[in-house]
Amino acid sequence: MAARTLDEFDELEERYPQGLSAGQIVEFFLPRGVKLAQATFRKYVQLGLLPRSRRIGEKGKHKGSRGLYPSSAVRRIHIIKSLMDEGMTLEDIRGSFIYFRGQLDGVERSLDELLAALEKSLAERAEMKPSRRKELEKLLLECRHKAAQFVKDMERTVSAVTAREESSTQRGS
């Protein structure tokens, strides 16, 4: 697999903060010589190697919605393909740090969305006493700090668990 600069991924993530469709992700890899079929992409999602899409409503009558994947999925596919080039199987990758990091990304995104919704709801409550608003804002800030600490603790746990798996796998060889 050809080496890529991180700038490509950073640029893509900045350009599409709401996410990308599966088709856009597959198209991203085409000119780069990386084979990625829609079916392969779906398999990665089914195996939990990539996050599931988020449904976004389309503006206009009878437009429905479309699924968008986090832009970071492109970076994750690059890592998966690189690991496969090094001889790892999809099952090996599922037992590695990247799989659990993907799960943790979903938790982190959900926590952020929940806290953002609560902050928005609080901001919209004009009738609330200033002292109560300040109390709830402080509580939400504490929750943000606790959520960030939880994610850090889980990252350390994932690293420890996957490191043990990899070292025990190497000892068995």
C-alpha atoms as a PDB file:
ATOM      1  CA  MET A   1       0.000   0.000   0.000  1.00  0.00           C
ATOM      2  CA  ALA A   2       1.405   3.399  -0.969  1.00  0.00           C
ATOM      3  CA  ALA A   3       2.446   5.703   1.861  1.00  0.00           C
ATOM      4  CA  ARG A   4       0.070   8.606   2.514  1.00  0.00           C
ATOM      5  CA  THR A   5       0.562  11.825   4.351  1.00  0.00           C
ATOM      6  CA  LEU A   6      -1.605  12.490   7.346  1.00  0.00           C
ATOM      7  CA  ASP A   7      -2.493  15.805   5.687  1.00  0.00           C
ATOM      8  CA  GLU A   8      -4.855  13.998   3.279  1.00  0.00           C
ATOM      9  CA  PHE A   9      -6.834  12.538   6.166  1.00  0.00           C
ATOM     10  CA  ASP A  10      -6.790  15.753   8.205  1.00  0.00           C
ATOM     11  CA  GLU A  11      -7.982  17.725   5.173  1.00  0.00           C
ATOM     12  CA  LEU A  12     -10.786  15.250   4.509  1.00  0.00           C
ATOM     13  CA  GLU A  13     -11.903  15.324   8.150  1.00  0.00           C
ATOM     14  CA  GLU A  14     -11.953  19.146   8.099  1.00  0.00           C
ATOM     15  CA  ARG A  15     -13.785  19.314   4.750  1.00  0.00           C
ATOM     16  CA  TYR A  16     -16.503  16.840   5.828  1.00  0.00           C
ATOM     17  CA  PRO A  17     -17.102  17.374   9.565  1.00  0.00           C
ATOM     18  CA  GLN A  18     -20.616  15.892   9.269  1.00  0.00           C
ATOM     19  CA  GLY A  19     -19.232  12.728   7.676  1.00  0.00           C
ATOM     20  CA  LEU A  20     -19.138  10.976   4.316  1.00  0.00           C
ATOM     21  CA  SER A  21     -21.333   8.490   2.516  1.00  0.00           C
ATOM     22  CA  ALA A  22     -20.006   4.992   1.837  1.00  0.00           C
ATOM     23  CA  GLY A  23     -19.764   5.907  -1.845  1.00  0.00           C
ATOM     24  CA  GLN A  24     -17.648   8.998  -1.091  1.00  0.00           C
ATOM     25  CA  ILE A  25     -15.305   6.920   1.058  1.00  0.00           C
ATOM     26  CA  VAL A  26     -14.888   4.261  -1.643  1.00  0.00           C
ATOM     27  CA  GLU A  27     -14.276   7.026  -4.214  1.00  0.00           C
ATOM     28  CA  PHE A  28     -11.583   8.557  -1.988  1.00  0.00           C
ATOM     29  CA  PHE A  29      -9.480   5.407  -2.306  1.00  0.00           C
ATOM     30  CA  LEU A  30      -9.943   4.798  -6.058  1.00  0.00           C
ATOM     31  CA  PRO A  31      -7.358   7.310  -7.390  1.00  0.00           C
ATOM     32  CA  ARG A  32      -4.936   6.165  -4.695  1.00  0.00           C
ATOM     33  CA  GLY A  33      -4.768   2.613  -6.022  1.00  0.00           C
ATOM     34  CA  VAL A  34      -6.471   1.075  -2.992  1.00  0.00           C
ATOM     35  CA  LYS A  35      -9.085  -1.548  -3.801  1.00  0.00           C
ATOM     36  CA  LEU A  36     -12.155  -1.018  -1.650  1.00  0.00           C
ATOM     37  CA  ALA A  37     -15.529  -2.273  -2.821  1.00  0.00           C
ATOM     38  CA  GLN A  38     -18.824  -1.239  -1.270  1.00  0.00           C
ATOM     39  CA  ALA A  39     -19.279  -4.859  -0.131  1.00  0.00           C
ATOM     40  CA  THR A  40     -15.890  -4.805   1.614  1.00  0.00           C
ATOM     41  CA  PHE A  41     -16.774  -1.511   3.267  1.00  0.00           C
ATOM     42  CA  ARG A  42     -20.064  -3.003   4.536  1.00  0.00           C
ATOM     43  CA  LYS A  43     -18.197  -6.070   5.830  1.00  0.00           C
ATOM     44  CA  TYR A  44     -15.835  -3.836   7.837  1.00  0.00           C
ATOM     45  CA  VAL A  45     -18.880  -2.132   9.366  1.00  0.00           C
ATOM     46  CA  GLN A  46     -20.561  -5.479  10.146  1.00  0.00           C
ATOM     47  CA  LEU A  47     -17.370  -6.738  11.833  1.00  0.00           C
ATOM     48  CA  GLY A  48     -17.243  -3.600  13.971  1.00  0.00           C
ATOM     49  CA  LEU A  49     -14.007  -2.387  12.408  1.00  0.00           C
ATOM     50  CA  LEU A  50     -15.767   0.772  11.233  1.00  0.00           C
ATOM     51  CA  PRO A  51     -18.507   2.739  12.965  1.00  0.00           C
ATOM     52  CA  ARG A  52     -22.073   2.465  11.773  1.00  0.00           C
ATOM     53  CA  SER A  53     -23.550   5.317   9.765  1.00  0.00           C
ATOM     54  CA  ARG A  54     -25.630   8.072  11.243  1.00  0.00           C
ATOM     55  CA  ARG A  55     -28.856   8.904   9.390  1.00  0.00           C
ATOM     56  CA  ILE A  56     -29.039  12.513   8.206  1.00  0.00           C
ATOM     57  CA  GLY A  57     -32.298  13.878   6.859  1.00  0.00           C
ATOM     58  CA  GLU A  58     -32.197  15.457   3.409  1.00  0.00           C
ATOM     59  CA  LYS A  59     -33.897  18.826   2.932  1.00  0.00           C
ATOM     60  CA  GLY A  60     -36.823  18.819   0.571  1.00  0.00           C
ATOM     61  CA  LYS A  61     -40.070  16.993   0.199  1.00  0.00           C
ATOM     62  CA  HIS A  62     -39.781  13.187   0.099  1.00  0.00           C
ATOM     63  CA  LYS A  63     -35.955  13.241   0.138  1.00  0.00           C
ATOM     64  CA  GLY A  64     -35.640  10.857   3.068  1.00  0.00           C
ATOM     65  CA  SER A  65     -32.273  10.438   4.714  1.00  0.00           C
ATOM     66  CA  ARG A  66     -28.821   9.140   3.939  1.00  0.00           C
ATOM     67  CA  GLY A  67     -26.201   7.434   6.021  1.00  0.00           C
ATOM     68  CA  LEU A  68     -23.029   9.317   6.830  1.00  0.00           C
ATOM     69  CA  TYR A  69     -19.947   7.748   8.341  1.00  0.00           C
ATOM     70  CA  PRO A  70     -17.499   9.753  10.432  1.00  0.00           C
ATOM     71  CA  SER A  71     -14.712  11.166   8.269  1.00  0.00           C
ATOM     72  CA  SER A  72     -12.265   9.345  10.540  1.00  0.00           C
ATOM     73  CA  ALA A  73     -13.467   6.074   8.924  1.00  0.00           C
ATOM     74  CA  VAL A  74     -11.192   6.873   5.959  1.00  0.00           C
ATOM     75  CA  ARG A  75      -8.154   6.936   8.241  1.00  0.00           C
ATOM     76  CA  ARG A  76      -9.300   3.695   9.886  1.00  0.00           C
ATOM     77  CA  ILE A  77      -9.670   1.957   6.505  1.00  0.00           C
ATOM     78  CA  HIS A  78      -6.139   3.048   5.646  1.00  0.00           C
ATOM     79  CA  ILE A  79      -4.914   1.446   8.892  1.00  0.00           C
ATOM     80  CA  ILE A  80      -6.910  -1.742   8.260  1.00  0.00           C
ATOM     81  CA  LYS A  81      -5.507  -2.041   4.740  1.00  0.00           C
ATOM     82  CA  SER A  82      -1.970  -1.405   6.046  1.00  0.00           C
ATOM     83  CA  LEU A  83      -2.360  -4.100   8.714  1.00  0.00           C
ATOM     84  CA  MET A  84      -3.665  -6.537   6.098  1.00  0.00           C
ATOM     85  CA  ASP A  85      -0.669  -5.705   3.887  1.00  0.00           C
ATOM     86  CA  GLU A  86       1.499  -6.723   6.864  1.00  0.00           C
ATOM     87  CA  GLY A  87      -0.222 -10.125   6.940  1.00  0.00           C
ATOM     88  CA  MET A  88      -2.919  -9.597   9.577  1.00  0.00           C
ATOM     89  CA  THR A  89      -6.324 -11.130   8.976  1.00  0.00           C
ATOM     90  CA  LEU A  90      -9.598  -9.354   9.697  1.00  0.00           C
ATOM     91  CA  GLU A  91      -9.960 -11.585  12.752  1.00  0.00           C
ATOM     92  CA  ASP A  92      -6.489 -10.535  13.955  1.00  0.00           C
ATOM     93  CA  ILE A  93      -7.466  -6.903  13.484  1.00  0.00           C
ATOM     94  CA  ARG A  94     -10.703  -7.411  15.441  1.00  0.00           C
ATOM     95  CA  GLY A  95      -8.600  -8.524  18.405  1.00  0.00           C
ATOM     96  CA  SER A  96      -6.276  -5.561  18.088  1.00  0.00           C
ATOM     97  CA  PHE A  97      -6.320  -2.061  19.458  1.00  0.00           C
ATOM     98  CA  ILE A  98      -7.964  -0.627  16.323  1.00  0.00           C
ATOM     99  CA  TYR A  99     -11.177  -2.591  16.832  1.00  0.00           C
ATOM    100  CA  PHE A 100     -11.579  -1.458  20.403  1.00  0.00           C
ATOM    101  CA  ARG A 101     -10.537   2.091  19.494  1.00  0.00           C
ATOM    102  CA  GLY A 102     -13.386   2.093  16.986  1.00  0.00           C
ATOM    103  CA  GLN A 103     -15.844   1.041  19.667  1.00  0.00           C
ATOM    104  CA  LEU A 104     -14.475   3.696  21.982  1.00  0.00           C
ATOM    105  CA  ASP A 105     -14.811   6.338  19.246  1.00  0.00           C
ATOM    106  CA  GLY A 106     -18.521   5.527  19.123  1.00  0.00           C
ATOM    107  CA  VAL A 107     -18.871   5.884  22.887  1.00  0.00           C
ATOM    108  CA  GLU A 108     -16.962   9.163  22.814  1.00  0.00           C
ATOM    109  CA  ARG A 109     -19.141  10.505  19.976  1.00  0.00           C
ATOM    110  CA  SER A 110     -22.334   9.462  21.794  1.00  0.00           C
ATOM    111  CA  LEU A 111     -21.250  11.119  25.028  1.00  0.00           C
ATOM    112  CA  ASP A 112     -20.385  14.301  23.156  1.00  0.00           C
ATOM    113  CA  GLU A 113     -23.742  14.331  21.340  1.00  0.00           C
ATOM    114  CA  LEU A 114     -25.622  13.756  24.602  1.00  0.00           C
ATOM    115  CA  LEU A 115     -23.784  16.544  26.415  1.00  0.00           C
ATOM    116  CA  ALA A 116     -24.189  18.936  23.472  1.00  0.00           C
ATOM    117  CA  ALA A 117     -27.947  18.243  23.413  1.00  0.00           C
ATOM    118  CA  LEU A 118     -28.197  18.885  27.156  1.00  0.00           C
ATOM    119  CA  GLU A 119     -26.208  22.117  26.810  1.00  0.00           C
ATOM    120  CA  LYS A 120     -28.484  23.257  23.979  1.00  0.00           C
ATOM    121  CA  SER A 121     -31.598  22.392  25.965  1.00  0.00           C
ATOM    122  CA  LEU A 122     -30.285  24.322  28.943  1.00  0.00           C
ATOM    123  CA  ALA A 123     -29.472  27.351  26.768  1.00  0.00           C
ATOM    124  CA  GLU A 124     -33.042  27.346  25.397  1.00  0.00           C
ATOM    125  CA  ARG A 125     -34.642  27.476  28.862  1.00  0.00           C
ATOM    126  CA  ALA A 126     -35.039  31.238  29.206  1.00  0.00           C
ATOM    127  CA  GLU A 127     -37.356  31.001  32.228  1.00  0.00           C
ATOM    128  CA  MET A 128     -34.715  29.354  34.412  1.00  0.00           C
ATOM    129  CA  LYS A 129     -33.373  31.245  37.420  1.00  0.00           C
ATOM    130  CA  PRO A 130     -29.757  32.392  36.897  1.00  0.00           C
ATOM    131  CA  SER A 131     -28.566  30.554  40.007  1.00  0.00           C
ATOM    132  CA  ARG A 132     -30.109  27.275  38.812  1.00  0.00           C
ATOM    133  CA  ARG A 133     -28.686  27.772  35.293  1.00  0.00           C
ATOM    134  CA  LYS A 134     -25.218  28.328  36.741  1.00  0.00           C
ATOM    135  CA  GLU A 135     -25.557  25.193  38.874  1.00  0.00           C
ATOM    136  CA  LEU A 136     -26.587  23.078  35.873  1.00  0.00           C
ATOM    137  CA  GLU A 137     -23.851  24.558  33.650  1.00  0.00           C
ATOM    138  CA  LYS A 138     -21.317  23.601  36.324  1.00  0.00           C
ATOM    139  CA  LEU A 139     -22.778  20.082  36.491  1.00  0.00           C
ATOM    140  CA  LEU A 140     -22.557  19.698  32.699  1.00  0.00           C
ATOM    141  CA  LEU A 141     -18.953  20.914  32.719  1.00  0.00           C
ATOM    142  CA  GLU A 142     -18.134  18.311  35.393  1.00  0.00           C
ATOM    143  CA  CYS A 143     -19.833  15.661  33.240  1.00  0.00           C
ATOM    144  CA  ARG A 144     -17.679  16.683  30.247  1.00  0.00           C
ATOM    145  CA  HIS A 145     -14.530  16.315  32.359  1.00  0.00           C
ATOM    146  CA  LYS A 146     -15.677  12.933  33.701  1.00  0.00           C
ATOM    147  CA  ALA A 147     -16.536  11.749  30.171  1.00  0.00           C
ATOM    148  CA  ALA A 148     -13.067  12.775  28.953  1.00  0.00           C
ATOM    149  CA  GLN A 149     -11.460  10.965  31.888  1.00  0.00           C
ATOM    150  CA  PHE A 150     -13.579   7.871  31.219  1.00  0.00           C
ATOM    151  CA  VAL A 151     -12.395   7.781  27.603  1.00  0.00           C
ATOM    152  CA  LYS A 152      -8.753   8.133  28.725  1.00  0.00           C
ATOM    153  CA  ASP A 153      -9.186   5.338  31.267  1.00  0.00           C
ATOM    154  CA  MET A 154     -10.759   3.106  28.635  1.00  0.00           C
ATOM    155  CA  GLU A 155      -7.913   3.847  26.193  1.00  0.00           C
ATOM    156  CA  ARG A 156      -5.418   2.688  28.831  1.00  0.00           C
ATOM    157  CA  THR A 157      -7.486  -0.430  29.501  1.00  0.00           C
ATOM    158  CA  VAL A 158      -7.759  -1.229  25.792  1.00  0.00           C
ATOM    159  CA  SER A 159      -4.012  -0.762  25.377  1.00  0.00           C
ATOM    160  CA  ALA A 160      -3.290  -3.069  28.306  1.00  0.00           C
ATOM    161  CA  VAL A 161      -5.708  -5.776  27.164  1.00  0.00           C
ATOM    162  CA  THR A 162      -4.598  -5.781  23.542  1.00  0.00           C
ATOM    163  CA  ALA A 163      -0.918  -5.659  24.513  1.00  0.00           C
ATOM    164  CA  ARG A 164      -1.386  -8.774  26.646  1.00  0.00           C
ATOM    165  CA  GLU A 165      -3.194 -10.533  23.807  1.00  0.00           C
ATOM    166  CA  GLU A 166      -0.465  -9.672  21.333  1.00  0.00           C
ATOM    167  CA  SER A 167       2.363 -10.689  23.688  1.00  0.00           C
ATOM    168  CA  SER A 168       0.652 -13.985  24.562  1.00  0.00           C
ATOM    169  CA  THR A 169       0.081 -14.623  20.851  1.00  0.00           C
ATOM    170  CA  GLN A 170       3.758 -14.032  20.182  1.00  0.00           C
ATOM    171  CA  ARG A 171       4.796 -16.373  23.020  1.00  0.00           C
ATOM    172  CA  GLY A 172       2.616 -19.126  21.560  1.00  0.00           C
ATOM    173  CA  SER A 173       4.457 -18.916  18.230  1.00  0.00           C
END
